[in-house]
C-alpha atoms as a PDB file:
ATOM      1  CA  MET A   1     -18.627  74.031 -48.350  1.00  0.00           C
ATOM      2  CA  SER A   2     -20.665  76.186 -50.420  1.00  0.00           C
ATOM      3  CA  VAL A   3     -22.201  79.635 -48.820  1.00  0.00           C
ATOM      4  CA  PRO A   4     -25.569  81.292 -49.635  1.00  0.00           C
ATOM      5  CA  PHE A   5     -25.413  83.032 -53.194  1.00  0.00           C
ATOM      6  CA  THR A   6     -25.323  86.397 -53.701  1.00  0.00           C
ATOM      7  CA  LEU A   7     -26.195  88.722 -56.888  1.00  0.00           C
ATOM      8  CA  GLY A   8     -22.934  88.994 -57.520  1.00  0.00           C
ATOM      9  CA  ALA A   9     -23.339  91.369 -60.230  1.00  0.00           C
ATOM     10  CA  LEU A  10     -24.971  94.871 -60.354  1.00  0.00           C
ATOM     11  CA  PRO A  11     -28.689  94.619 -62.243  1.00  0.00           C
ATOM     12  CA  THR A  12     -28.983  96.455 -65.447  1.00  0.00           C
ATOM     13  CA  LEU A  13     -31.059  99.426 -64.611  1.00  0.00           C
ATOM     14  CA  SER A  14     -29.636  99.909 -61.181  1.00  0.00           C
ATOM     15  CA  ARG A  15     -26.427 101.140 -62.813  1.00  0.00           C
ATOM     16  CA  SER A  16     -25.576 105.054 -62.397  1.00  0.00           C
ATOM     17  CA  THR A  17     -23.049 107.095 -61.897  1.00  0.00           C
ATOM     18  CA  VAL A  18     -25.026 110.615 -62.127  1.00  0.00           C
ATOM     19  CA  ASP A  19     -25.115 112.948 -59.214  1.00  0.00           C
ATOM     20  CA  ARG A  20     -28.919 113.632 -58.932  1.00  0.00           C
ATOM     21  CA  GLN A  21     -28.230 116.809 -57.173  1.00  0.00           C
ATOM     22  CA  GLU A  22     -31.564 117.244 -55.340  1.00  0.00           C
ATOM     23  CA  ASP A  23     -30.840 120.696 -53.768  1.00  0.00           C
ATOM     24  CA  LEU A  24     -30.455 122.176 -56.784  1.00  0.00           C
ATOM     25  CA  ARG A  25     -33.841 121.299 -57.732  1.00  0.00           C
ATOM     26  CA  THR A  26     -34.797 124.815 -56.037  1.00  0.00           C
ATOM     27  CA  ASN A  27     -32.058 126.601 -57.213  1.00  0.00           C
ATOM     28  CA  PRO A  28     -33.329 128.233 -60.858  1.00  0.00           C
ATOM     29  CA  ALA A  29     -30.380 130.289 -61.243  1.00  0.00           C
ATOM     30  CA  ARG A  30     -27.769 128.144 -61.008  1.00  0.00           C
ATOM     31  CA  LEU A  31     -29.351 125.629 -63.491  1.00  0.00           C
ATOM     32  CA  VAL A  32     -30.329 128.059 -65.866  1.00  0.00           C
ATOM     33  CA  SER A  33     -27.004 129.387 -65.334  1.00  0.00           C
ATOM     34  CA  ARG A  34     -25.296 126.166 -67.114  1.00  0.00           C
ATOM     35  CA  TRP A  35     -28.302 125.055 -69.249  1.00  0.00           C
ATOM     36  CA  PRO A  36     -26.363 126.297 -72.593  1.00  0.00           C
ATOM     37  CA  ASP A  37     -23.623 123.852 -71.717  1.00  0.00           C
ATOM     38  CA  ALA A  38     -26.124 121.336 -70.177  1.00  0.00           C
ATOM     39  CA  ARG A  39     -27.030 117.840 -72.426  1.00  0.00           C
ATOM     40  CA  VAL A  40     -30.728 116.474 -72.928  1.00  0.00           C
ATOM     41  CA  VAL A  41     -32.156 112.932 -73.387  1.00  0.00           C
ATOM     42  CA  LEU A  42     -34.572 112.959 -75.791  1.00  0.00           C
ATOM     43  CA  LEU A  43     -37.385 110.351 -75.065  1.00  0.00           C
ATOM     44  CA  ASP A  44     -40.329 110.154 -77.859  1.00  0.00           C
ATOM     45  CA  ASP A  45     -44.160 109.088 -77.444  1.00  0.00           C
ATOM     46  CA  THR A  46     -43.562 105.693 -76.780  1.00  0.00           C
ATOM     47  CA  GLY A  47     -40.347 106.182 -74.091  1.00  0.00           C
ATOM     48  CA  ARG A  48     -37.482 105.252 -76.879  1.00  0.00           C
ATOM     49  CA  THR A  49     -33.983 107.328 -76.954  1.00  0.00           C
ATOM     50  CA  PRO A  50     -31.914 107.359 -79.526  1.00  0.00           C
ATOM     51  CA  VAL A  51     -28.649 105.846 -79.418  1.00  0.00           C
ATOM     52  CA  VAL A  52     -25.736 106.254 -82.149  1.00  0.00           C
ATOM     53  CA  GLU A  53     -26.017 103.375 -84.063  1.00  0.00           C
ATOM     54  CA  GLY A  54     -23.418 100.251 -82.850  1.00  0.00           C
ATOM     55  CA  ALA A  55     -22.788 102.552 -79.543  1.00  0.00           C
ATOM     56  CA  SER A  56     -23.494 101.921 -76.176  1.00  0.00           C
ATOM     57  CA  THR A  57     -23.990 105.903 -75.438  1.00  0.00           C
ATOM     58  CA  LEU A  58     -27.307 107.765 -76.017  1.00  0.00           C
ATOM     59  CA  ALA A  59     -27.324 110.186 -78.407  1.00  0.00           C
ATOM     60  CA  PHE A  60     -27.349 113.292 -76.274  1.00  0.00           C
ATOM     61  CA  ARG A  61     -28.595 116.896 -77.455  1.00  0.00           C
ATOM     62  CA  LYS A  62     -27.363 120.223 -76.610  1.00  0.00           C
ATOM     63  CA  ALA A  63     -29.455 121.968 -74.593  1.00  0.00           C
ATOM     64  CA  ILE A  64     -28.811 125.505 -76.119  1.00  0.00           C
ATOM     65  CA  ASP A  65     -30.708 124.271 -79.130  1.00  0.00           C
ATOM     66  CA  PHE A  66     -34.044 124.062 -77.321  1.00  0.00           C
ATOM     67  CA  GLY A  67     -33.376 127.659 -76.018  1.00  0.00           C
ATOM     68  CA  SER A  68     -31.315 130.017 -73.954  1.00  0.00           C
ATOM     69  CA  ALA A  69     -33.109 128.410 -70.900  1.00  0.00           C
ATOM     70  CA  PRO A  70     -34.674 125.234 -70.088  1.00  0.00           C
ATOM     71  CA  PRO A  71     -38.706 124.675 -71.886  1.00  0.00           C
ATOM     72  CA  ALA A  72     -41.419 124.278 -68.788  1.00  0.00           C
ATOM     73  CA  ASP A  73     -41.505 119.987 -69.464  1.00  0.00           C
ATOM     74  CA  ALA A  74     -37.826 120.153 -69.305  1.00  0.00           C
ATOM     75  CA  VAL A  75     -36.538 117.596 -66.241  1.00  0.00           C
ATOM     76  CA  PHE A  76     -33.030 117.823 -64.537  1.00  0.00           C
ATOM     77  CA  LEU A  77     -31.636 114.657 -63.927  1.00  0.00           C
ATOM     78  CA  GLY A  78     -28.220 115.515 -61.999  1.00  0.00           C
ATOM     79  CA  GLU A  79     -24.993 116.026 -63.316  1.00  0.00           C
ATOM     80  CA  TRP A  80     -21.922 113.825 -64.339  1.00  0.00           C
ATOM     81  CA  GLN A  81     -18.697 115.346 -64.830  1.00  0.00           C
ATOM     82  CA  ASP A  82     -19.532 119.043 -63.982  1.00  0.00           C
ATOM     83  CA  VAL A  83     -21.867 118.630 -67.212  1.00  0.00           C
ATOM     84  CA  ASP A  84     -26.134 118.893 -66.210  1.00  0.00           C
ATOM     85  CA  TYR A  85     -28.342 116.509 -67.876  1.00  0.00           C
ATOM     86  CA  TRP A  86     -31.974 116.804 -68.074  1.00  0.00           C
ATOM     87  CA  SER A  87     -34.955 115.167 -70.896  1.00  0.00           C
ATOM     88  CA  LEU A  88     -37.474 116.244 -72.877  1.00  0.00           C
ATOM     89  CA  PRO A  89     -39.946 114.682 -75.161  1.00  0.00           C
ATOM     90  CA  GLY A  90     -38.995 114.798 -78.871  1.00  0.00           C
ATOM     91  CA  GLY A  91     -38.421 112.109 -81.906  1.00  0.00           C
ATOM     92  CA  PRO A  92     -36.699 111.970 -84.707  1.00  0.00           C
ATOM     93  CA  SER A  93     -35.597 115.408 -86.939  1.00  0.00           C
ATOM     94  CA  GLY A  94     -35.691 113.647 -90.008  1.00  0.00           C
ATOM     95  CA  GLU A  95     -37.692 110.582 -91.853  1.00  0.00           C
ATOM     96  CA  ALA A  96     -37.146 107.562 -90.089  1.00  0.00           C
ATOM     97  CA  ASP A  97     -36.660 103.919 -91.148  1.00  0.00           C
ATOM     98  CA  THR A  98     -36.928 100.948 -89.249  1.00  0.00           C
ATOM     99  CA  VAL A  99     -33.815  98.349 -88.621  1.00  0.00           C
ATOM    100  CA  LYS A 100     -33.484  94.686 -87.012  1.00  0.00           C
ATOM    101  CA  MET A 101     -31.953  94.942 -83.364  1.00  0.00           C
ATOM    102  CA  ALA A 102     -31.317  91.869 -80.874  1.00  0.00           C
ATOM    103  CA  GLY A 103     -33.521  92.463 -78.139  1.00  0.00           C
ATOM    104  CA  SER A 104     -34.483  90.966 -74.783  1.00  0.00           C
ATOM    105  CA  TRP A 105     -35.506  87.408 -74.147  1.00  0.00           C
ATOM    106  CA  GLY A 106     -33.800  86.527 -77.534  1.00  0.00           C
ATOM    107  CA  PHE A 107     -35.953  88.149 -80.032  1.00  0.00           C
ATOM    108  CA  VAL A 108     -35.121  90.254 -82.978  1.00  0.00           C
ATOM    109  CA  GLU A 109     -37.111  93.662 -83.025  1.00  0.00           C
ATOM    110  CA  GLU A 110     -37.428  96.380 -85.551  1.00  0.00           C
ATOM    111  CA  VAL A 111     -36.743  99.790 -84.011  1.00  0.00           C
ATOM    112  CA  PRO A 112     -36.804 103.335 -85.819  1.00  0.00           C
ATOM    113  CA  ARG A 113     -33.840 104.260 -87.255  1.00  0.00           C
ATOM    114  CA  ALA A 114     -32.620 108.267 -88.368  1.00  0.00           C
ATOM    115  CA  ASP A 115     -29.827 110.202 -89.079  1.00  0.00           C
ATOM    116  CA  GLY A 116     -27.289 107.799 -87.660  1.00  0.00           C
ATOM    117  CA  GLU A 117     -29.102 107.169 -84.561  1.00  0.00           C
ATOM    118  CA  VAL A 118     -31.818 103.670 -83.480  1.00  0.00           C
ATOM    119  CA  TRP A 119     -34.605 104.750 -81.181  1.00  0.00           C
ATOM    120  CA  VAL A 120     -34.497 101.794 -78.644  1.00  0.00           C
ATOM    121  CA  GLU A 121     -36.238 101.314 -75.485  1.00  0.00           C
ATOM    122  CA  LEU A 122     -35.406 100.554 -72.238  1.00  0.00           C
ATOM    123  CA  ARG A 123     -36.772  97.399 -71.052  1.00  0.00           C
ATOM    124  CA  GLY A 124     -35.301  95.490 -74.273  1.00  0.00           C
ATOM    125  CA  TYR A 125     -31.983  97.733 -74.645  1.00  0.00           C
ATOM    126  CA  GLY A 126     -30.875  98.754 -71.286  1.00  0.00           C
ATOM    127  CA  ASP A 127     -28.309  96.391 -70.804  1.00  0.00           C
ATOM    128  CA  LEU A 128     -26.479  97.095 -73.946  1.00  0.00           C
ATOM    129  CA  LEU A 129     -25.806 101.076 -72.351  1.00  0.00           C
ATOM    130  CA  ASP A 130     -22.840 102.495 -70.531  1.00  0.00           C
ATOM    131  CA  ASP A 131     -23.389 102.944 -66.979  1.00  0.00           C
ATOM    132  CA  THR A 132     -24.230 106.495 -67.316  1.00  0.00           C
ATOM    133  CA  SER A 133     -26.479 106.325 -69.775  1.00  0.00           C
ATOM    134  CA  ALA A 134     -28.399 103.367 -68.480  1.00  0.00           C
ATOM    135  CA  GLY A 135     -29.104 105.598 -65.134  1.00  0.00           C
ATOM    136  CA  LEU A 136     -29.974 108.642 -67.315  1.00  0.00           C
ATOM    137  CA  PHE A 137     -32.388 106.649 -69.286  1.00  0.00           C
ATOM    138  CA  THR A 138     -34.128 105.019 -66.387  1.00  0.00           C
ATOM    139  CA  THR A 139     -34.780 108.139 -63.957  1.00  0.00           C
ATOM    140  CA  ALA A 140     -36.127 110.208 -67.072  1.00  0.00           C
ATOM    141  CA  GLN A 141     -38.173 106.966 -67.836  1.00  0.00           C
ATOM    142  CA  ALA A 142     -39.242 107.035 -64.655  1.00  0.00           C
ATOM    143  CA  LEU A 143     -40.295 110.315 -64.223  1.00  0.00           C
ATOM    144  CA  ARG A 144     -42.101 110.566 -67.945  1.00  0.00           C
ATOM    145  CA  PHE A 145     -44.663 107.768 -66.615  1.00  0.00           C
ATOM    146  CA  TRP A 146     -45.190 109.796 -63.720  1.00  0.00           C
ATOM    147  CA  ARG A 147     -45.432 112.826 -65.151  1.00  0.00           C
ATOM    148  CA  ARG A 148     -48.317 111.331 -67.382  1.00  0.00           C
ATOM    149  CA  GLN A 149     -50.225 109.608 -64.638  1.00  0.00           C
ATOM    150  CA  ALA A 150     -49.886 113.200 -62.520  1.00  0.00           C
ATOM    151  CA  LYS A 151     -51.582 115.835 -64.656  1.00  0.00           C
ATOM    152  CA  PHE A 152     -54.873 116.667 -62.414  1.00  0.00           C
ATOM    153  CA  CYS A 153     -54.990 116.631 -58.894  1.00  0.00           C
ATOM    154  CA  THR A 154     -55.834 114.021 -56.455  1.00  0.00           C
ATOM    155  CA  ARG A 155     -57.785 116.376 -54.304  1.00  0.00           C
ATOM    156  CA  CYS A 156     -59.485 119.128 -56.358  1.00  0.00           C
ATOM    157  CA  GLY A 157     -59.393 117.640 -60.086  1.00  0.00           C
ATOM    158  CA  SER A 158     -57.290 120.721 -61.186  1.00  0.00           C
ATOM    159  CA  GLU A 159     -54.456 120.818 -63.454  1.00  0.00           C
ATOM    160  CA  THR A 160     -51.045 120.499 -62.347  1.00  0.00           C
ATOM    161  CA  GLU A 161     -47.905 122.068 -63.428  1.00  0.00           C
ATOM    162  CA  LEU A 162     -44.490 120.913 -63.197  1.00  0.00           C
ATOM    163  CA  VAL A 163     -42.555 122.527 -60.610  1.00  0.00           C
ATOM    164  CA  GLN A 164     -38.826 121.770 -58.778  1.00  0.00           C
ATOM    165  CA  PHE A 165     -37.455 121.451 -62.544  1.00  0.00           C
ATOM    166  CA  GLY A 166     -39.588 118.200 -63.110  1.00  0.00           C
ATOM    167  CA  TRP A 167     -39.248 116.585 -59.241  1.00  0.00           C
ATOM    168  CA  ALA A 168     -42.625 118.039 -58.155  1.00  0.00           C
ATOM    169  CA  SER A 169     -46.082 118.963 -59.696  1.00  0.00           C
ATOM    170  CA  LYS A 170     -48.164 121.826 -57.750  1.00  0.00           C
ATOM    171  CA  CYS A 171     -52.197 121.769 -58.454  1.00  0.00           C
ATOM    172  CA  THR A 172     -53.327 125.259 -60.462  1.00  0.00           C
ATOM    173  CA  GLY A 173     -56.592 125.319 -58.082  1.00  0.00           C
ATOM    174  CA  CYS A 174     -55.763 124.216 -54.328  1.00  0.00           C
ATOM    175  CA  GLY A 175     -51.887 124.646 -54.262  1.00  0.00           C
ATOM    176  CA  ARG A 176     -51.086 121.026 -53.395  1.00  0.00           C
ATOM    177  CA  GLU A 177     -47.856 119.448 -54.302  1.00  0.00           C
ATOM    178  CA  GLU A 178     -47.152 115.849 -55.630  1.00  0.00           C
ATOM    179  CA  TYR A 179     -44.140 113.988 -55.715  1.00  0.00           C
ATOM    180  CA  PRO A 180     -42.999 111.056 -57.776  1.00  0.00           C
ATOM    181  CA  ARG A 181     -43.831 107.794 -56.296  1.00  0.00           C
ATOM    182  CA  THR A 182     -42.624 104.201 -56.670  1.00  0.00           C
ATOM    183  CA  ASP A 183     -44.782 101.007 -55.973  1.00  0.00           C
ATOM    184  CA  PRO A 184     -42.588  98.394 -54.260  1.00  0.00           C
ATOM    185  CA  ALA A 185     -42.735  95.210 -55.721  1.00  0.00           C
ATOM    186  CA  VAL A 186     -41.023  91.925 -54.755  1.00  0.00           C
ATOM    187  CA  ILE A 187     -39.223  88.993 -56.568  1.00  0.00           C
ATOM    188  CA  CYS A 188     -37.821  85.833 -55.472  1.00  0.00           C
ATOM    189  CA  LEU A 189     -35.904  82.937 -56.382  1.00  0.00           C
ATOM    190  CA  VAL A 190     -37.399  80.388 -54.535  1.00  0.00           C
ATOM    191  CA  HIS A 191     -34.843  77.177 -54.421  1.00  0.00           C
ATOM    192  CA  SER A 192     -35.220  73.388 -53.181  1.00  0.00           C
ATOM    193  CA  LEU A 193     -33.959  72.591 -50.062  1.00  0.00           C
ATOM    194  CA  GLU A 194     -30.935  70.830 -50.518  1.00  0.00           C
ATOM    195  CA  GLY A 195     -27.950  72.026 -49.601  1.00  0.00           C
ATOM    196  CA  THR A 196     -26.990  75.458 -48.774  1.00  0.00           C
ATOM    197  CA  ASN A 197     -28.453  76.731 -52.401  1.00  0.00           C
ATOM    198  CA  GLY A 198     -30.823  74.030 -53.354  1.00  0.00           C
ATOM    199  CA  SER A 199     -30.876  72.321 -56.503  1.00  0.00           C
ATOM    200  CA  HIS A 200     -33.514  73.203 -58.413  1.00  0.00           C
ATOM    201  CA  VAL A 201     -35.360  76.548 -58.777  1.00  0.00           C
ATOM    202  CA  LEU A 202     -39.164  77.343 -59.246  1.00  0.00           C
ATOM    203  CA  LEU A 203     -39.709  79.143 -62.302  1.00  0.00           C
ATOM    204  CA  ALA A 204     -43.495  80.021 -63.419  1.00  0.00           C
ATOM    205  CA  ARG A 205     -44.728  82.119 -66.716  1.00  0.00           C
ATOM    206  CA  GLN A 206     -47.889  84.039 -66.718  1.00  0.00           C
ATOM    207  CA  PRO A 207     -50.530  83.221 -70.252  1.00  0.00           C
ATOM    208  CA  ILE A 208     -49.781  86.562 -71.841  1.00  0.00           C
ATOM    209  CA  TRP A 209     -45.864  85.801 -72.041  1.00  0.00           C
ATOM    210  CA  PRO A 210     -44.156  84.778 -75.087  1.00  0.00           C
ATOM    211  CA  ALA A 211     -44.097  81.136 -75.956  1.00  0.00           C
ATOM    212  CA  GLY A 212     -41.207  79.272 -73.514  1.00  0.00           C
ATOM    213  CA  ARG A 213     -40.781  82.397 -71.257  1.00  0.00           C
ATOM    214  CA  TYR A 214     -40.390  81.640 -67.723  1.00  0.00           C
ATOM    215  CA  SER A 215     -39.193  83.593 -64.891  1.00  0.00           C
ATOM    216  CA  VAL A 216     -39.094  84.005 -60.768  1.00  0.00           C
ATOM    217  CA  LEU A 217     -42.111  84.973 -59.003  1.00  0.00           C
ATOM    218  CA  ALA A 218     -43.224  88.175 -58.413  1.00  0.00           C
ATOM    219  CA  GLY A 219     -45.780  90.485 -56.722  1.00  0.00           C
ATOM    220  CA  PHE A 220     -47.128  93.578 -55.448  1.00  0.00           C
ATOM    221  CA  VAL A 221     -46.017  94.907 -51.615  1.00  0.00           C
ATOM    222  CA  GLU A 222     -50.007  95.355 -50.083  1.00  0.00           C
ATOM    223  CA  ALA A 223     -50.416  98.399 -47.908  1.00  0.00           C
ATOM    224  CA  GLY A 224     -49.556  97.491 -44.430  1.00  0.00           C
ATOM    225  CA  GLU A 225     -47.377  94.287 -45.486  1.00  0.00           C
ATOM    226  CA  SER A 226     -43.585  93.961 -44.650  1.00  0.00           C
ATOM    227  CA  LEU A 227     -41.589  92.702 -47.580  1.00  0.00           C
ATOM    228  CA  GLU A 228     -40.962  89.701 -46.309  1.00  0.00           C
ATOM    229  CA  ALA A 229     -44.768  89.051 -45.431  1.00  0.00           C
ATOM    230  CA  CYS A 230     -45.141  89.578 -49.226  1.00  0.00           C
ATOM    231  CA  VAL A 231     -43.037  87.518 -50.183  1.00  0.00           C
ATOM    232  CA  VAL A 232     -44.249  84.624 -48.291  1.00  0.00           C
ATOM    233  CA  ARG A 233     -47.881  85.466 -49.590  1.00  0.00           C
ATOM    234  CA  GLU A 234     -47.296  85.991 -53.107  1.00  0.00           C
ATOM    235  CA  ILE A 235     -45.522  82.669 -53.951  1.00  0.00           C
ATOM    236  CA  ARG A 236     -48.138  81.075 -52.012  1.00  0.00           C
ATOM    237  CA  GLU A 237     -51.128  82.815 -53.778  1.00  0.00           C
ATOM    238  CA  GLU A 238     -49.330  81.940 -57.244  1.00  0.00           C
ATOM    239  CA  VAL A 239     -48.049  78.690 -56.987  1.00  0.00           C
ATOM    240  CA  GLY A 240     -49.287  77.244 -53.739  1.00  0.00           C
ATOM    241  CA  ALA A 241     -45.628  76.649 -52.429  1.00  0.00           C
ATOM    242  CA  VAL A 242     -44.626  77.323 -48.540  1.00  0.00           C
ATOM    243  CA  VAL A 243     -41.444  78.867 -48.251  1.00  0.00           C
ATOM    244  CA  SER A 244     -38.976  79.524 -45.527  1.00  0.00           C
ATOM    245  CA  ASP A 245     -35.752  81.426 -44.970  1.00  0.00           C
ATOM    246  CA  VAL A 246     -36.587  84.486 -46.824  1.00  0.00           C
ATOM    247  CA  ARG A 247     -33.372  86.221 -47.438  1.00  0.00           C
ATOM    248  CA  TYR A 248     -32.940  89.871 -49.243  1.00  0.00           C
ATOM    249  CA  LEU A 249     -30.556  90.117 -52.308  1.00  0.00           C
ATOM    250  CA  GLY A 250     -30.696  93.547 -53.640  1.00  0.00           C
ATOM    251  CA  SER A 251     -33.407  95.922 -56.071  1.00  0.00           C
ATOM    252  CA  GLN A 252     -33.441  97.316 -59.398  1.00  0.00           C
ATOM    253  CA  PRO A 253     -36.020 100.391 -60.424  1.00  0.00           C
ATOM    254  CA  TRP A 254     -38.330  99.331 -63.201  1.00  0.00           C
ATOM    255  CA  PRO A 255     -39.895 102.150 -64.201  1.00  0.00           C
ATOM    256  CA  PHE A 256     -43.093 100.301 -66.279  1.00  0.00           C
ATOM    257  CA  PRO A 257     -44.370 102.580 -65.111  1.00  0.00           C
ATOM    258  CA  ARG A 258     -43.256 102.995 -61.593  1.00  0.00           C
ATOM    259  CA  SER A 259     -42.024 100.013 -59.778  1.00  0.00           C
ATOM    260  CA  ILE A 260     -38.996  99.193 -57.755  1.00  0.00           C
ATOM    261  CA  MET A 261     -38.177  95.605 -57.826  1.00  0.00           C
ATOM    262  CA  LEU A 262     -37.112  94.159 -54.549  1.00  0.00           C
ATOM    263  CA  GLY A 263     -35.185  90.593 -54.678  1.00  0.00           C
ATOM    264  CA  PHE A 264     -35.063  88.201 -52.597  1.00  0.00           C
ATOM    265  CA  THR A 265     -34.575  84.359 -52.281  1.00  0.00           C
ATOM    266  CA  ALA A 266     -36.349  81.725 -50.150  1.00  0.00           C
ATOM    267  CA  ARG A 267     -36.351  78.139 -49.873  1.00  0.00           C
ATOM    268  CA  ALA A 268     -39.342  75.574 -50.425  1.00  0.00           C
ATOM    269  CA  ASP A 269     -40.023  71.604 -50.598  1.00  0.00           C
ATOM    270  CA  ARG A 270     -40.038  70.670 -54.389  1.00  0.00           C
ATOM    271  CA  SER A 271     -41.793  67.538 -53.671  1.00  0.00           C
ATOM    272  CA  ALA A 272     -44.931  69.218 -52.683  1.00  0.00           C
ATOM    273  CA  ALA A 273     -47.502  69.751 -55.575  1.00  0.00           C
ATOM    274  CA  LEU A 274     -47.425  73.381 -56.997  1.00  0.00           C
ATOM    275  CA  VAL A 275     -50.976  74.846 -57.790  1.00  0.00           C
ATOM    276  CA  PRO A 276     -50.584  77.473 -59.895  1.00  0.00           C
ATOM    277  CA  ALA A 277     -53.056  80.364 -59.648  1.00  0.00           C
ATOM    278  CA  ASP A 278     -56.059  80.215 -61.931  1.00  0.00           C
ATOM    279  CA  GLY A 279     -55.599  83.066 -64.993  1.00  0.00           C
ATOM    280  CA  GLU A 280     -52.152  84.172 -63.411  1.00  0.00           C
ATOM    281  CA  ILE A 281     -49.892  81.831 -63.721  1.00  0.00           C
ATOM    282  CA  GLU A 282     -49.945  79.285 -67.006  1.00  0.00           C
ATOM    283  CA  GLU A 283     -47.463  76.930 -65.554  1.00  0.00           C
ATOM    284  CA  ALA A 284     -45.085  76.156 -62.498  1.00  0.00           C
ATOM    285  CA  LEU A 285     -42.083  74.197 -62.482  1.00  0.00           C
ATOM    286  CA  TRP A 286     -39.029  73.263 -61.143  1.00  0.00           C
ATOM    287  CA  VAL A 287     -35.366  73.212 -63.005  1.00  0.00           C
ATOM    288  CA  SER A 288     -32.523  72.125 -62.093  1.00  0.00           C
ATOM    289  CA  ARG A 289     -29.470  73.789 -61.968  1.00  0.00           C
ATOM    290  CA  ALA A 290     -27.675  72.114 -64.959  1.00  0.00           C
ATOM    291  CA  GLU A 291     -30.678  73.173 -66.862  1.00  0.00           C
ATOM    292  CA  VAL A 292     -30.611  76.609 -66.280  1.00  0.00           C
ATOM    293  CA  ARG A 293     -26.973  76.904 -66.909  1.00  0.00           C
ATOM    294  CA  ALA A 294     -27.594  75.389 -70.244  1.00  0.00           C
ATOM    295  CA  ALA A 295     -30.236  77.896 -70.849  1.00  0.00           C
ATOM    296  CA  PHE A 296     -27.488  80.700 -70.165  1.00  0.00           C
ATOM    297  CA  GLU A 297     -25.127  79.197 -72.713  1.00  0.00           C
ATOM    298  CA  ASN A 298     -28.035  78.909 -75.152  1.00  0.00           C
ATOM    299  CA  SER A 299     -28.762  82.748 -74.589  1.00  0.00           C
ATOM    300  CA  ALA A 300     -25.114  84.123 -74.617  1.00  0.00           C
ATOM    301  CA  VAL A 301     -25.698  85.390 -78.016  1.00  0.00           C
ATOM    302  CA  ARG A 302     -28.384  88.257 -78.457  1.00  0.00           C
ATOM    303  CA  GLY A 303     -31.311  87.820 -81.047  1.00  0.00           C
ATOM    304  CA  GLU A 304     -31.211  84.845 -83.746  1.00  0.00           C
ATOM    305  CA  GLY A 305     -28.544  83.381 -82.426  1.00  0.00           C
ATOM    306  CA  SER A 306     -30.318  82.450 -79.137  1.00  0.00           C
ATOM    307  CA  LYS A 307     -32.824  79.249 -78.976  1.00  0.00           C
ATOM    308  CA  PRO A 308     -35.003  77.762 -75.984  1.00  0.00           C
ATOM    309  CA  THR A 309     -33.426  75.241 -74.026  1.00  0.00           C
ATOM    310  CA  PRO A 310     -35.277  71.986 -73.607  1.00  0.00           C
ATOM    311  CA  ILE A 311     -35.777  70.764 -69.614  1.00  0.00           C
ATOM    312  CA  ALA A 312     -37.506  67.818 -67.861  1.00  0.00           C
ATOM    313  CA  ASP A 313     -36.280  65.573 -70.505  1.00  0.00           C
ATOM    314  CA  GLY A 314     -38.058  67.591 -73.660  1.00  0.00           C
ATOM    315  CA  ALA A 315     -41.430  67.955 -72.000  1.00  0.00           C
ATOM    316  CA  ALA A 316     -41.131  71.662 -72.113  1.00  0.00           C
ATOM    317  CA  GLU A 317     -38.658  74.704 -73.108  1.00  0.00           C
ATOM    318  CA  ILE A 318     -37.546  77.744 -71.491  1.00  0.00           C
ATOM    319  CA  ILE A 319     -36.506  81.171 -72.303  1.00  0.00           C
ATOM    320  CA  LEU A 320     -34.875  83.215 -69.980  1.00  0.00           C
ATOM    321  CA  PRO A 321     -35.695  86.496 -68.454  1.00  0.00           C
ATOM    322  CA  GLY A 322     -34.665  89.749 -70.271  1.00  0.00           C
ATOM    323  CA  ASN A 323     -30.949  91.410 -70.304  1.00  0.00           C
ATOM    324  CA  SER A 324     -32.704  94.185 -68.577  1.00  0.00           C
ATOM    325  CA  SER A 325     -34.159  92.419 -65.181  1.00  0.00           C
ATOM    326  CA  ILE A 326     -33.360  91.863 -62.245  1.00  0.00           C
ATOM    327  CA  ALA A 327     -34.341  88.253 -62.545  1.00  0.00           C
ATOM    328  CA  ARG A 328     -31.529  87.301 -65.195  1.00  0.00           C
ATOM    329  CA  VAL A 329     -28.843  88.550 -62.486  1.00  0.00           C
ATOM    330  CA  MET A 330     -30.700  86.343 -59.847  1.00  0.00           C
ATOM    331  CA  LEU A 331     -30.847  82.948 -61.532  1.00  0.00           C
ATOM    332  CA  LYS A 332     -27.661  83.490 -63.035  1.00  0.00           C
ATOM    333  CA  ALA A 333     -26.194  84.115 -59.467  1.00  0.00           C
ATOM    334  CA  TRP A 334     -27.859  81.093 -58.128  1.00  0.00           C
ATOM    335  CA  ALA A 335     -26.877  78.599 -61.191  1.00  0.00           C
ATOM    336  CA  ASP A 336     -23.390  79.812 -61.040  1.00  0.00           C
ATOM    337  CA  ALA A 337     -23.066  79.000 -57.064  1.00  0.00           C
ATOM    338  CA  GLU A 338     -23.144  75.562 -55.587  1.00  0.00           C
ATOM    339  CA  GLU A 339     -25.682  73.665 -53.882  1.00  0.00           C
END
């Protein structure tokens, strides 16, 4: 007898080893004293960070190269194996060329390269990083996006300054403090009613996505709404399906710009007509487990070796969600499960 499927693997951007050490954010003496031996994660204006070419570890910088104490825009990320980690804005020190790299969704992209390092972005290359690097990059990216949106006080409009080493902002006018916020969004794998885990999964695509790309459905939680109620509402609004048996699977931070994806699964009748939301969903369809398994086989090779998978007797083709998304982990867990 089959059992309800679970994620099985930790989503790519949920991986982390670093202790955030919240109490140290208000202990400047401790952090400043260890600054000379700390390491720094650089983020350029587009959110890219350097990785040693061919490696899975971030190319950290020595903190002492940026001064004898943390600069005003330095953000403390945490501690790992008795080393403090920070983030700072910065780009390549030398002239950069470009190199082709296999990115997310089976595409090959050109990324900057300088001094033996490639500058990659989190969405496309987070899955290639080790657990420590993935966690540091994800946190640095989240705080970068927050800071870019919190430069002015929402109460009086005055400029704000970073305090607590990047984990809060303080208004220079009225003194109001603000902290990084995360917007919850649900993402739900809807499967058909057969057996325990169903025989088909509901996939959809937005009009702005690359041709052939499909994923499970997602949407933001509204004010005063429970997560489960959001799942039911979003699926109904986006494709007209009525779901039941909503069940939580797991979560993943998604700092683009400041979300956390809360993964669920639910059941729906695949004989009922689907009604894609005009302007939001270009197409929605039911895909069999065999077709999803074939899609994973076709996307096992990153980049130019990947290819779309025919479905529905050749009537359409699908490309699976990117390697850094929780959607891919959800689909893999469902595909590997028995009906």
